[in-house]
Amino acid sequence: MQAWRVHDNGEPGEVMRLEETGPPTPGEGRILLKVRAANVNFPDALLCRGQYQVRPPLPFTPGVEICGETEDGRRVIANPELPYGGFAEWAVAAADAVLPAPDALDDAEAAALHIGYQTGWFGLHRRARLEAGETLLVHAAAGGVGSAAVQLGKAAGARVIGVAGGAAKAAVARELGCDVVIDRHTEDVVAVVKEATDGRGADVIYDPVGGTAYAQSAKAVAFEGRILVVGFAGGTVPSPALNHALVKNYSIVGLHWGLYNTRNPELVRHCHEQLTDLAARGAIKPLVSERVPLAGAAAAVQRVADGATTGRVAVLPALKDGAAA
């Protein structure tokens, strides 16, 4: 089979190599999946760089989110177990962790439903307790994780303010349904949020960026608001001023969705049922901006690493060069 493999850590475009190798042999409790679509996530770039919290042995195949097909023909979504990731024709996953792919979504959309939407659902509903009528501020609203949060916020009845970088990404945020869109390149994020909320600020802030975005969040959060710390795609881990949280009565809430897979897998399945229902009703639909063949995976991961994409990029092993899906 063909598989992208990383032999040394570095930038994805430099260290990912497309190789011919034998299909993986699943161990006990694992199953072999034919990859129908693999979604590109920012952690794939961190894995290539050796900067992720999990460091698989070299060489490994990145690709942490797929829609695959079981040997008995079932269409499922899964998080492949490294070193046998999804940027290959075959991947390996835990048999008890695969989830049925929603009928309402095609392969690329189904692959994109897992990590980003589960993170959004757990973050907004379980950790931040978002309520209908509240104002939700989403950083990187046109990105893969942010676009999921925008859709889930709207589905929950929130008023959504989206922050995006540049006119093109701002346009995507509007198309996703944001009630207010802020171009952080040309506008003062805090000032616009205050103006849009009559000086109150946002009740819930969804931050997968960190760094400057977090600093803006602390200034733009409402009294008794919740800042949801999802990740640090901006490359800087902020150091919160806890005295500021004290005098303004807001909460700083952490979210590591992956922990629920081991601590409460039944809740993960419940979340998937909720997401499947929302997809069936058309309330959510993953924004897949690019569909590329397997040969384009390394370049796709590099584009995501560089922040040059909107929505999700899906790798389809069966897609031929130059074809459309």
C-alpha atoms as a PDB file:
ATOM      1  CA  MET A   1       0.000   0.000   0.000  1.00  0.00           C
ATOM      2  CA  GLN A   2       0.979   3.665  -0.216  1.00  0.00           C
ATOM      3  CA  ALA A   3       1.500   5.571   3.012  1.00  0.00           C
ATOM      4  CA  TRP A   4       3.043   8.868   4.051  1.00  0.00           C
ATOM      5  CA  ARG A   5       5.743   8.260   6.658  1.00  0.00           C
ATOM      6  CA  VAL A   6       7.781  10.542   8.872  1.00  0.00           C
ATOM      7  CA  HIS A   7      11.350   9.373   9.564  1.00  0.00           C
ATOM      8  CA  ASP A   8      12.673  12.600  11.118  1.00  0.00           C
ATOM      9  CA  ASN A   9      10.946  15.509  12.837  1.00  0.00           C
ATOM     10  CA  GLY A  10      10.555  18.797  10.999  1.00  0.00           C
ATOM     11  CA  GLU A  11       8.158  20.738   8.802  1.00  0.00           C
ATOM     12  CA  PRO A  12       5.490  18.471   7.246  1.00  0.00           C
ATOM     13  CA  GLY A  13       6.353  19.443   3.680  1.00  0.00           C
ATOM     14  CA  GLU A  14       9.952  18.421   4.273  1.00  0.00           C
ATOM     15  CA  VAL A  15       9.717  15.260   6.409  1.00  0.00           C
ATOM     16  CA  MET A  16       6.617  13.469   5.084  1.00  0.00           C
ATOM     17  CA  ARG A  17       7.553  10.861   2.449  1.00  0.00           C
ATOM     18  CA  LEU A  18       5.134   8.852   0.313  1.00  0.00           C
ATOM     19  CA  GLU A  19       6.323   5.236   0.402  1.00  0.00           C
ATOM     20  CA  GLU A  20       5.266   1.751  -0.617  1.00  0.00           C
ATOM     21  CA  THR A  21       4.864  -0.434   2.444  1.00  0.00           C
ATOM     22  CA  GLY A  22       2.893  -3.446   3.590  1.00  0.00           C
ATOM     23  CA  PRO A  23      -0.517  -2.915   5.196  1.00  0.00           C
ATOM     24  CA  PRO A  24      -0.422  -2.797   9.011  1.00  0.00           C
ATOM     25  CA  THR A  25      -1.332  -5.852  11.046  1.00  0.00           C
ATOM     26  CA  PRO A  26      -3.856  -4.958  13.763  1.00  0.00           C
ATOM     27  CA  GLY A  27      -3.173  -6.316  17.245  1.00  0.00           C
ATOM     28  CA  GLU A  28      -5.679  -7.603  19.760  1.00  0.00           C
ATOM     29  CA  GLY A  29      -8.741  -5.363  20.030  1.00  0.00           C
ATOM     30  CA  ARG A  30      -7.740  -3.450  16.892  1.00  0.00           C
ATOM     31  CA  ILE A  31      -9.209  -3.472  13.396  1.00  0.00           C
ATOM     32  CA  LEU A  32      -7.874  -2.719   9.938  1.00  0.00           C
ATOM     33  CA  LEU A  33      -9.700   0.082   8.120  1.00  0.00           C
ATOM     34  CA  LYS A  34      -9.616   0.986   4.446  1.00  0.00           C
ATOM     35  CA  VAL A  35      -9.224   4.761   4.420  1.00  0.00           C
ATOM     36  CA  ARG A  36     -12.006   6.491   2.479  1.00  0.00           C
ATOM     37  CA  ALA A  37     -11.095  10.003   3.658  1.00  0.00           C
ATOM     38  CA  ALA A  38      -8.575  11.424   6.118  1.00  0.00           C
ATOM     39  CA  ASN A  39      -9.056  14.870   7.565  1.00  0.00           C
ATOM     40  CA  VAL A  40      -6.044  17.156   8.090  1.00  0.00           C
ATOM     41  CA  ASN A  41      -5.724  18.543  11.623  1.00  0.00           C
ATOM     42  CA  PHE A  42      -3.226  20.968  13.152  1.00  0.00           C
ATOM     43  CA  PRO A  43      -1.955  18.174  15.467  1.00  0.00           C
ATOM     44  CA  ASP A  44      -0.727  16.378  12.333  1.00  0.00           C
ATOM     45  CA  ALA A  45       1.726  19.228  11.820  1.00  0.00           C
ATOM     46  CA  LEU A  46       2.736  19.147  15.493  1.00  0.00           C
ATOM     47  CA  LEU A  47       3.329  15.396  15.234  1.00  0.00           C
ATOM     48  CA  CYS A  48       5.625  15.940  12.262  1.00  0.00           C
ATOM     49  CA  ARG A  49       7.517  18.597  14.206  1.00  0.00           C
ATOM     50  CA  GLY A  50       7.771  16.418  17.321  1.00  0.00           C
ATOM     51  CA  GLN A  51       5.864  19.048  19.298  1.00  0.00           C
ATOM     52  CA  TYR A  52       2.678  17.148  20.103  1.00  0.00           C
ATOM     53  CA  GLN A  53       1.949  15.711  23.573  1.00  0.00           C
ATOM     54  CA  VAL A  54       2.106  12.260  21.991  1.00  0.00           C
ATOM     55  CA  ARG A  55       5.364  11.353  20.231  1.00  0.00           C
ATOM     56  CA  PRO A  56       4.981   8.121  18.252  1.00  0.00           C
ATOM     57  CA  PRO A  57       8.073   6.107  17.398  1.00  0.00           C
ATOM     58  CA  LEU A  58       9.726   6.915  14.081  1.00  0.00           C
ATOM     59  CA  PRO A  59       8.826   6.205  11.363  1.00  0.00           C
ATOM     60  CA  PHE A  60       5.091   6.845  11.672  1.00  0.00           C
ATOM     61  CA  THR A  61       2.178   7.796   9.452  1.00  0.00           C
ATOM     62  CA  PRO A  62       0.285  10.936  10.565  1.00  0.00           C
ATOM     63  CA  GLY A  63      -3.448  11.404  10.098  1.00  0.00           C
ATOM     64  CA  VAL A  64      -5.507  11.354  13.284  1.00  0.00           C
ATOM     65  CA  GLU A  65      -9.060  11.470  11.902  1.00  0.00           C
ATOM     66  CA  ILE A  66     -10.603   9.320   9.191  1.00  0.00           C
ATOM     67  CA  CYS A  67     -13.715   7.948   7.593  1.00  0.00           C
ATOM     68  CA  GLY A  68     -12.949   4.330   6.863  1.00  0.00           C
ATOM     69  CA  GLU A  69     -14.462   1.045   5.831  1.00  0.00           C
ATOM     70  CA  THR A  70     -14.317  -2.122   7.909  1.00  0.00           C
ATOM     71  CA  GLU A  71     -13.580  -5.499   6.389  1.00  0.00           C
ATOM     72  CA  ASP A  72     -17.288  -6.353   6.665  1.00  0.00           C
ATOM     73  CA  GLY A  73     -18.259  -3.209   4.736  1.00  0.00           C
ATOM     74  CA  ARG A  74     -19.340  -0.836   7.504  1.00  0.00           C
ATOM     75  CA  ARG A  75     -18.653   2.879   6.984  1.00  0.00           C
ATOM     76  CA  VAL A  76     -17.199   4.337  10.195  1.00  0.00           C
ATOM     77  CA  ILE A  77     -15.259   7.270  11.586  1.00  0.00           C
ATOM     78  CA  ALA A  78     -12.246   6.736  13.802  1.00  0.00           C
ATOM     79  CA  ASN A  79      -9.076   8.136  15.298  1.00  0.00           C
ATOM     80  CA  PRO A  80      -6.331   5.861  13.914  1.00  0.00           C
ATOM     81  CA  GLU A  81      -3.763   4.586  16.371  1.00  0.00           C
ATOM     82  CA  LEU A  82      -0.279   5.770  15.556  1.00  0.00           C
ATOM     83  CA  PRO A  83       2.122   4.795  14.054  1.00  0.00           C
ATOM     84  CA  TYR A  84      -0.538   3.660  11.552  1.00  0.00           C
ATOM     85  CA  GLY A  85      -2.302   6.962  10.865  1.00  0.00           C
ATOM     86  CA  GLY A  86      -4.771   7.965   8.207  1.00  0.00           C
ATOM     87  CA  PHE A  87      -2.588   9.381   5.417  1.00  0.00           C
ATOM     88  CA  ALA A  88      -2.371   5.938   3.850  1.00  0.00           C
ATOM     89  CA  GLU A  89      -4.555   3.458   2.061  1.00  0.00           C
ATOM     90  CA  TRP A  90      -5.061   1.446   5.270  1.00  0.00           C
ATOM     91  CA  ALA A  91      -5.052   2.416   8.957  1.00  0.00           C
ATOM     92  CA  VAL A  92      -5.543   0.764  12.351  1.00  0.00           C
ATOM     93  CA  ALA A  93      -8.024   1.756  15.058  1.00  0.00           C
ATOM     94  CA  ALA A  94      -9.369   0.402  18.343  1.00  0.00           C
ATOM     95  CA  ALA A  95     -12.346  -1.802  17.530  1.00  0.00           C
ATOM     96  CA  ASP A  96     -14.439  -0.480  20.420  1.00  0.00           C
ATOM     97  CA  ALA A  97     -13.843   3.180  19.536  1.00  0.00           C
ATOM     98  CA  VAL A  98     -15.078   3.367  15.937  1.00  0.00           C
ATOM     99  CA  LEU A  99     -18.329   5.244  15.390  1.00  0.00           C
ATOM    100  CA  PRO A 100     -20.888   4.889  12.577  1.00  0.00           C
ATOM    101  CA  ALA A 101     -20.431   7.490   9.846  1.00  0.00           C
ATOM    102  CA  PRO A 102     -23.571   9.656   9.532  1.00  0.00           C
ATOM    103  CA  ASP A 103     -25.606   8.911   6.415  1.00  0.00           C
ATOM    104  CA  ALA A 104     -26.213  12.634   5.919  1.00  0.00           C
ATOM    105  CA  LEU A 105     -22.507  13.307   5.300  1.00  0.00           C
ATOM    106  CA  ASP A 106     -20.163  12.164   2.546  1.00  0.00           C
ATOM    107  CA  ASP A 107     -16.805  10.584   3.369  1.00  0.00           C
ATOM    108  CA  ALA A 108     -14.840  13.843   3.620  1.00  0.00           C
ATOM    109  CA  GLU A 109     -17.524  15.515   5.746  1.00  0.00           C
ATOM    110  CA  ALA A 110     -17.841  12.474   7.988  1.00  0.00           C
ATOM    111  CA  ALA A 111     -14.081  12.372   8.563  1.00  0.00           C
ATOM    112  CA  ALA A 112     -14.250  16.017   9.648  1.00  0.00           C
ATOM    113  CA  LEU A 113     -17.093  15.440  12.119  1.00  0.00           C
ATOM    114  CA  HIS A 114     -15.022  13.751  14.776  1.00  0.00           C
ATOM    115  CA  ILE A 115     -12.309  15.756  16.552  1.00  0.00           C
ATOM    116  CA  GLY A 116     -13.392  19.321  15.767  1.00  0.00           C
ATOM    117  CA  TYR A 117     -17.092  18.800  16.388  1.00  0.00           C
ATOM    118  CA  GLN A 118     -16.622  16.600  19.444  1.00  0.00           C
ATOM    119  CA  THR A 119     -14.270  19.237  20.843  1.00  0.00           C
ATOM    120  CA  GLY A 120     -16.846  21.919  20.118  1.00  0.00           C
ATOM    121  CA  TRP A 121     -19.722  19.976  21.655  1.00  0.00           C
ATOM    122  CA  PHE A 122     -17.815  19.077  24.833  1.00  0.00           C
ATOM    123  CA  GLY A 123     -16.415  22.579  25.113  1.00  0.00           C
ATOM    124  CA  LEU A 124     -19.607  24.517  24.585  1.00  0.00           C
ATOM    125  CA  HIS A 125     -22.075  22.198  26.298  1.00  0.00           C
ATOM    126  CA  ARG A 126     -20.208  20.272  28.995  1.00  0.00           C
ATOM    127  CA  ARG A 127     -17.415  22.661  29.987  1.00  0.00           C
ATOM    128  CA  ALA A 128     -18.749  26.172  29.266  1.00  0.00           C
ATOM    129  CA  ARG A 129     -22.475  25.369  29.637  1.00  0.00           C
ATOM    130  CA  LEU A 130     -23.471  27.645  26.779  1.00  0.00           C
ATOM    131  CA  GLU A 131     -27.137  28.694  26.956  1.00  0.00           C
ATOM    132  CA  ALA A 132     -29.525  29.871  24.265  1.00  0.00           C
ATOM    133  CA  GLY A 133     -29.490  33.642  23.983  1.00  0.00           C
ATOM    134  CA  GLU A 134     -25.899  34.019  25.200  1.00  0.00           C
ATOM    135  CA  THR A 135     -23.149  35.578  23.102  1.00  0.00           C
ATOM    136  CA  LEU A 136     -20.398  33.255  21.896  1.00  0.00           C
ATOM    137  CA  LEU A 137     -17.107  34.639  20.572  1.00  0.00           C
ATOM    138  CA  VAL A 138     -15.122  32.230  18.378  1.00  0.00           C
ATOM    139  CA  HIS A 139     -11.477  32.891  17.497  1.00  0.00           C
ATOM    140  CA  ALA A 140     -10.243  31.500  14.143  1.00  0.00           C
ATOM    141  CA  ALA A 141     -13.889  31.187  13.133  1.00  0.00           C
ATOM    142  CA  ALA A 142     -13.078  30.194   9.538  1.00  0.00           C
ATOM    143  CA  GLY A 143     -10.708  27.387  10.544  1.00  0.00           C
ATOM    144  CA  GLY A 144     -11.496  23.717  11.016  1.00  0.00           C
ATOM    145  CA  VAL A 145     -12.040  23.842  14.785  1.00  0.00           C
ATOM    146  CA  GLY A 146     -13.527  27.332  14.802  1.00  0.00           C
ATOM    147  CA  SER A 147     -16.026  26.643  12.013  1.00  0.00           C
ATOM    148  CA  ALA A 148     -17.361  23.679  14.004  1.00  0.00           C
ATOM    149  CA  ALA A 149     -17.796  25.880  17.086  1.00  0.00           C
ATOM    150  CA  VAL A 150     -19.650  28.505  15.044  1.00  0.00           C
ATOM    151  CA  GLN A 151     -22.134  25.953  13.720  1.00  0.00           C
ATOM    152  CA  LEU A 152     -22.621  24.323  17.111  1.00  0.00           C
ATOM    153  CA  GLY A 153     -23.096  27.712  18.761  1.00  0.00           C
ATOM    154  CA  LYS A 154     -25.775  28.676  16.261  1.00  0.00           C
ATOM    155  CA  ALA A 155     -27.459  25.285  16.699  1.00  0.00           C
ATOM    156  CA  ALA A 156     -27.550  25.941  20.456  1.00  0.00           C
ATOM    157  CA  GLY A 157     -29.316  29.260  19.969  1.00  0.00           C
ATOM    158  CA  ALA A 158     -26.377  31.531  20.762  1.00  0.00           C
ATOM    159  CA  ARG A 159     -25.496  34.810  19.105  1.00  0.00           C
ATOM    160  CA  VAL A 160     -22.107  34.166  17.497  1.00  0.00           C
ATOM    161  CA  ILE A 161     -19.287  36.646  16.943  1.00  0.00           C
ATOM    162  CA  GLY A 162     -16.528  35.260  14.733  1.00  0.00           C
ATOM    163  CA  VAL A 163     -12.929  36.481  14.577  1.00  0.00           C
ATOM    164  CA  ALA A 164     -11.016  35.755  11.369  1.00  0.00           C
ATOM    165  CA  GLY A 165      -7.759  36.875   9.790  1.00  0.00           C
ATOM    166  CA  GLY A 166      -8.234  38.653   6.477  1.00  0.00           C
ATOM    167  CA  ALA A 167     -11.112  39.477   4.151  1.00  0.00           C
ATOM    168  CA  ALA A 168     -11.344  35.989   2.598  1.00  0.00           C
ATOM    169  CA  LYS A 169     -11.591  34.235   5.942  1.00  0.00           C
ATOM    170  CA  ALA A 170     -14.023  36.868   7.220  1.00  0.00           C
ATOM    171  CA  ALA A 171     -16.260  36.080   4.239  1.00  0.00           C
ATOM    172  CA  VAL A 172     -16.174  32.374   5.143  1.00  0.00           C
ATOM    173  CA  ALA A 173     -17.151  33.213   8.738  1.00  0.00           C
ATOM    174  CA  ARG A 174     -20.162  35.146   7.463  1.00  0.00           C
ATOM    175  CA  GLU A 175     -21.197  32.239   5.242  1.00  0.00           C
ATOM    176  CA  LEU A 176     -21.004  29.948   8.272  1.00  0.00           C
ATOM    177  CA  GLY A 177     -23.668  32.066   9.968  1.00  0.00           C
ATOM    178  CA  CYS A 178     -21.759  34.379  12.320  1.00  0.00           C
ATOM    179  CA  ASP A 179     -23.987  37.253  13.436  1.00  0.00           C
ATOM    180  CA  VAL A 180     -20.976  39.553  13.706  1.00  0.00           C
ATOM    181  CA  VAL A 181     -17.610  39.053  11.981  1.00  0.00           C
ATOM    182  CA  ILE A 182     -14.359  40.742  13.012  1.00  0.00           C
ATOM    183  CA  ASP A 183     -11.329  40.899  10.744  1.00  0.00           C
ATOM    184  CA  ARG A 184      -8.490  40.910  13.250  1.00  0.00           C
ATOM    185  CA  HIS A 185      -6.117  42.279  10.605  1.00  0.00           C
ATOM    186  CA  THR A 186      -8.042  45.529  10.226  1.00  0.00           C
ATOM    187  CA  GLU A 187     -10.302  45.835  13.280  1.00  0.00           C
ATOM    188  CA  ASP A 188      -9.907  46.139  17.046  1.00  0.00           C
ATOM    189  CA  VAL A 189     -11.323  42.837  18.322  1.00  0.00           C
ATOM    190  CA  VAL A 190     -12.071  44.040  21.846  1.00  0.00           C
ATOM    191  CA  ALA A 191     -13.664  47.293  20.707  1.00  0.00           C
ATOM    192  CA  VAL A 192     -15.965  45.571  18.207  1.00  0.00           C
ATOM    193  CA  VAL A 193     -17.041  42.953  20.764  1.00  0.00           C
ATOM    194  CA  LYS A 194     -17.852  45.646  23.308  1.00  0.00           C
ATOM    195  CA  GLU A 195     -19.791  47.636  20.718  1.00  0.00           C
ATOM    196  CA  ALA A 196     -21.724  44.565  19.543  1.00  0.00           C
ATOM    197  CA  THR A 197     -22.691  43.650  23.124  1.00  0.00           C
ATOM    198  CA  ASP A 198     -23.470  47.135  24.455  1.00  0.00           C
ATOM    199  CA  GLY A 199     -20.315  47.059  26.538  1.00  0.00           C
ATOM    200  CA  ARG A 200     -21.094  43.760  28.265  1.00  0.00           C
ATOM    201  CA  GLY A 201     -18.696  41.426  26.455  1.00  0.00           C
ATOM    202  CA  ALA A 202     -19.062  37.797  25.347  1.00  0.00           C
ATOM    203  CA  ASP A 203     -20.530  35.194  27.691  1.00  0.00           C
ATOM    204  CA  VAL A 204     -18.455  32.354  26.267  1.00  0.00           C
ATOM    205  CA  ILE A 205     -15.189  32.666  24.332  1.00  0.00           C
ATOM    206  CA  TYR A 206     -13.893  29.726  22.301  1.00  0.00           C
ATOM    207  CA  ASP A 207     -10.126  30.035  21.917  1.00  0.00           C
ATOM    208  CA  PRO A 208      -8.119  27.481  19.915  1.00  0.00           C
ATOM    209  CA  VAL A 209      -5.389  30.061  19.232  1.00  0.00           C
ATOM    210  CA  GLY A 210      -3.836  31.319  22.495  1.00  0.00           C
ATOM    211  CA  GLY A 211      -1.284  34.141  22.574  1.00  0.00           C
ATOM    212  CA  THR A 212      -2.749  37.466  21.488  1.00  0.00           C
ATOM    213  CA  ALA A 213      -6.204  35.921  21.063  1.00  0.00           C
ATOM    214  CA  TYR A 214      -6.259  34.974  24.738  1.00  0.00           C
ATOM    215  CA  ALA A 215      -5.224  38.490  25.765  1.00  0.00           C
ATOM    216  CA  GLN A 216      -8.125  39.841  23.710  1.00  0.00           C
ATOM    217  CA  SER A 217     -10.453  37.302  25.291  1.00  0.00           C
ATOM    218  CA  ALA A 218      -9.634  38.441  28.810  1.00  0.00           C
ATOM    219  CA  LYS A 219     -10.570  42.007  27.843  1.00  0.00           C
ATOM    220  CA  ALA A 220     -13.679  41.020  25.895  1.00  0.00           C
ATOM    221  CA  VAL A 221     -15.244  38.484  28.299  1.00  0.00           C
ATOM    222  CA  ALA A 222     -18.425  39.397  30.139  1.00  0.00           C
ATOM    223  CA  PHE A 223     -18.973  39.425  33.904  1.00  0.00           C
ATOM    224  CA  GLU A 224     -19.339  35.752  34.914  1.00  0.00           C
ATOM    225  CA  GLY A 225     -18.264  34.763  31.401  1.00  0.00           C
ATOM    226  CA  ARG A 226     -16.247  31.666  30.490  1.00  0.00           C
ATOM    227  CA  ILE A 227     -13.041  31.604  28.450  1.00  0.00           C
ATOM    228  CA  LEU A 228     -12.683  28.146  26.930  1.00  0.00           C
ATOM    229  CA  VAL A 229      -9.037  27.198  26.358  1.00  0.00           C
ATOM    230  CA  VAL A 230      -9.020  24.729  23.459  1.00  0.00           C
ATOM    231  CA  GLY A 231      -5.515  24.957  21.997  1.00  0.00           C
ATOM    232  CA  PHE A 232      -2.566  27.110  21.021  1.00  0.00           C
ATOM    233  CA  ALA A 233      -2.493  27.196  17.227  1.00  0.00           C
ATOM    234  CA  GLY A 234      -0.883  30.633  17.424  1.00  0.00           C
ATOM    235  CA  GLY A 235       2.210  29.026  18.921  1.00  0.00           C
ATOM    236  CA  THR A 236       2.202  30.855  22.267  1.00  0.00           C
ATOM    237  CA  VAL A 237       0.819  29.441  25.523  1.00  0.00           C
ATOM    238  CA  PRO A 238      -0.587  32.407  27.497  1.00  0.00           C
ATOM    239  CA  SER A 239       0.007  33.035  31.196  1.00  0.00           C
ATOM    240  CA  PRO A 240      -3.360  34.197  32.576  1.00  0.00           C
ATOM    241  CA  ALA A 241      -3.477  37.028  35.107  1.00  0.00           C
ATOM    242  CA  LEU A 242      -5.504  35.326  37.812  1.00  0.00           C
ATOM    243  CA  ASN A 243      -6.063  38.585  39.658  1.00  0.00           C
ATOM    244  CA  HIS A 244      -7.897  39.826  36.558  1.00  0.00           C
ATOM    245  CA  ALA A 245     -10.152  36.743  36.598  1.00  0.00           C
ATOM    246  CA  LEU A 246     -10.838  37.444  40.259  1.00  0.00           C
ATOM    247  CA  VAL A 247     -11.851  41.084  39.916  1.00  0.00           C
ATOM    248  CA  LYS A 248     -13.954  40.455  36.800  1.00  0.00           C
ATOM    249  CA  ASN A 249     -15.612  37.220  37.989  1.00  0.00           C
ATOM    250  CA  TYR A 250     -14.932  35.105  34.908  1.00  0.00           C
ATOM    251  CA  SER A 251     -13.874  31.476  34.558  1.00  0.00           C
ATOM    252  CA  ILE A 252     -10.929  30.046  32.619  1.00  0.00           C
ATOM    253  CA  VAL A 253     -12.046  26.604  31.483  1.00  0.00           C
ATOM    254  CA  GLY A 254      -9.737  23.993  29.998  1.00  0.00           C
ATOM    255  CA  LEU A 255     -10.689  21.330  27.483  1.00  0.00           C
ATOM    256  CA  HIS A 256      -8.712  18.285  26.377  1.00  0.00           C
ATOM    257  CA  TRP A 257     -11.268  16.253  24.456  1.00  0.00           C
ATOM    258  CA  GLY A 258      -8.994  13.241  24.051  1.00  0.00           C
ATOM    259  CA  LEU A 259      -9.209  12.475  27.766  1.00  0.00           C
ATOM    260  CA  TYR A 260     -12.897  11.624  27.426  1.00  0.00           C
ATOM    261  CA  ASN A 261     -12.016   8.715  25.135  1.00  0.00           C
ATOM    262  CA  THR A 262     -10.392   6.920  28.064  1.00  0.00           C
ATOM    263  CA  ARG A 263     -12.275   8.401  31.030  1.00  0.00           C
ATOM    264  CA  ASN A 264     -15.834   8.433  29.672  1.00  0.00           C
ATOM    265  CA  PRO A 265     -16.165   6.721  26.270  1.00  0.00           C
ATOM    266  CA  GLU A 266     -19.929   6.424  26.688  1.00  0.00           C
ATOM    267  CA  LEU A 267     -20.165  10.205  26.797  1.00  0.00           C
ATOM    268  CA  VAL A 268     -18.180  10.330  23.545  1.00  0.00           C
ATOM    269  CA  ARG A 269     -20.745   8.021  21.957  1.00  0.00           C
ATOM    270  CA  HIS A 270     -23.585  10.152  23.336  1.00  0.00           C
ATOM    271  CA  CYS A 271     -21.928  13.213  21.801  1.00  0.00           C
ATOM    272  CA  HIS A 272     -21.658  11.421  18.457  1.00  0.00           C
ATOM    273  CA  GLU A 273     -25.377  10.628  18.574  1.00  0.00           C
ATOM    274  CA  GLN A 274     -26.130  14.311  19.163  1.00  0.00           C
ATOM    275  CA  LEU A 275     -23.861  15.354  16.296  1.00  0.00           C
ATOM    276  CA  THR A 276     -25.374  12.730  13.981  1.00  0.00           C
ATOM    277  CA  ASP A 277     -28.840  14.068  14.744  1.00  0.00           C
ATOM    278  CA  LEU A 278     -27.737  17.665  14.120  1.00  0.00           C
ATOM    279  CA  ALA A 279     -26.193  16.609  10.788  1.00  0.00           C
ATOM    280  CA  ALA A 280     -29.366  14.763   9.786  1.00  0.00           C
ATOM    281  CA  ARG A 281     -31.395  17.922  10.483  1.00  0.00           C
ATOM    282  CA  GLY A 282     -28.949  20.082   8.525  1.00  0.00           C
ATOM    283  CA  ALA A 283     -28.016  22.114  11.595  1.00  0.00           C
ATOM    284  CA  ILE A 284     -24.327  21.309  11.143  1.00  0.00           C
ATOM    285  CA  LYS A 285     -22.308  20.374   8.079  1.00  0.00           C
ATOM    286  CA  PRO A 286     -18.496  20.264   8.143  1.00  0.00           C
ATOM    287  CA  LEU A 287     -16.950  22.860   5.850  1.00  0.00           C
ATOM    288  CA  VAL A 288     -14.608  20.877   3.591  1.00  0.00           C
ATOM    289  CA  SER A 289     -12.800  23.497   1.547  1.00  0.00           C
ATOM    290  CA  GLU A 290     -10.360  21.170  -0.231  1.00  0.00           C
ATOM    291  CA  ARG A 291     -10.366  17.512  -1.273  1.00  0.00           C
ATOM    292  CA  VAL A 292      -6.972  16.280  -2.398  1.00  0.00           C
ATOM    293  CA  PRO A 293      -5.576  12.911  -3.526  1.00  0.00           C
ATOM    294  CA  LEU A 294      -3.212  10.944  -1.307  1.00  0.00           C
ATOM    295  CA  ALA A 295      -0.251  12.372  -3.189  1.00  0.00           C
ATOM    296  CA  GLY A 296      -1.200  15.856  -1.976  1.00  0.00           C
ATOM    297  CA  ALA A 297      -1.273  15.044   1.738  1.00  0.00           C
ATOM    298  CA  ALA A 298       2.114  16.509   2.726  1.00  0.00           C
ATOM    299  CA  ALA A 299       1.405  19.809   0.991  1.00  0.00           C
ATOM    300  CA  ALA A 300      -2.033  19.902   2.614  1.00  0.00           C
ATOM    301  CA  VAL A 301      -0.615  19.376   6.103  1.00  0.00           C
ATOM    302  CA  GLN A 302       1.904  22.140   5.453  1.00  0.00           C
ATOM    303  CA  ARG A 303      -0.847  24.548   4.360  1.00  0.00           C
ATOM    304  CA  VAL A 304      -2.795  23.833   7.541  1.00  0.00           C
ATOM    305  CA  ALA A 305       0.378  24.328   9.581  1.00  0.00           C
ATOM    306  CA  ASP A 306       0.919  27.693   7.888  1.00  0.00           C
ATOM    307  CA  GLY A 307      -2.653  28.835   8.577  1.00  0.00           C
ATOM    308  CA  ALA A 308      -3.322  29.119   4.850  1.00  0.00           C
ATOM    309  CA  THR A 309      -6.605  27.146   4.781  1.00  0.00           C
ATOM    310  CA  THR A 310     -10.231  27.620   5.718  1.00  0.00           C
ATOM    311  CA  GLY A 311     -12.509  24.917   7.037  1.00  0.00           C
ATOM    312  CA  ARG A 312     -11.167  21.407   6.567  1.00  0.00           C
ATOM    313  CA  VAL A 313      -8.858  19.787   4.043  1.00  0.00           C
ATOM    314  CA  ALA A 314      -9.619  16.140   3.308  1.00  0.00           C
ATOM    315  CA  VAL A 315      -7.252  13.574   1.790  1.00  0.00           C
ATOM    316  CA  LEU A 316      -9.043  10.961  -0.323  1.00  0.00           C
ATOM    317  CA  PRO A 317      -6.828   7.978  -1.261  1.00  0.00           C
ATOM    318  CA  ALA A 318      -9.161   6.940  -4.073  1.00  0.00           C
ATOM    319  CA  LEU A 319      -9.155  10.424  -5.609  1.00  0.00           C
ATOM    320  CA  LYS A 320      -6.924  10.735  -8.649  1.00  0.00           C
ATOM    321  CA  ASP A 321      -4.652  13.702  -9.298  1.00  0.00           C
ATOM    322  CA  GLY A 322      -6.592  16.586 -10.798  1.00  0.00           C
ATOM    323  CA  ALA A 323      -9.976  14.995 -10.068  1.00  0.00           C
ATOM    324  CA  ALA A 324     -12.753  16.659  -8.132  1.00  0.00           C
ATOM    325  CA  ALA A 325     -14.872  15.148  -5.382  1.00  0.00           C
END
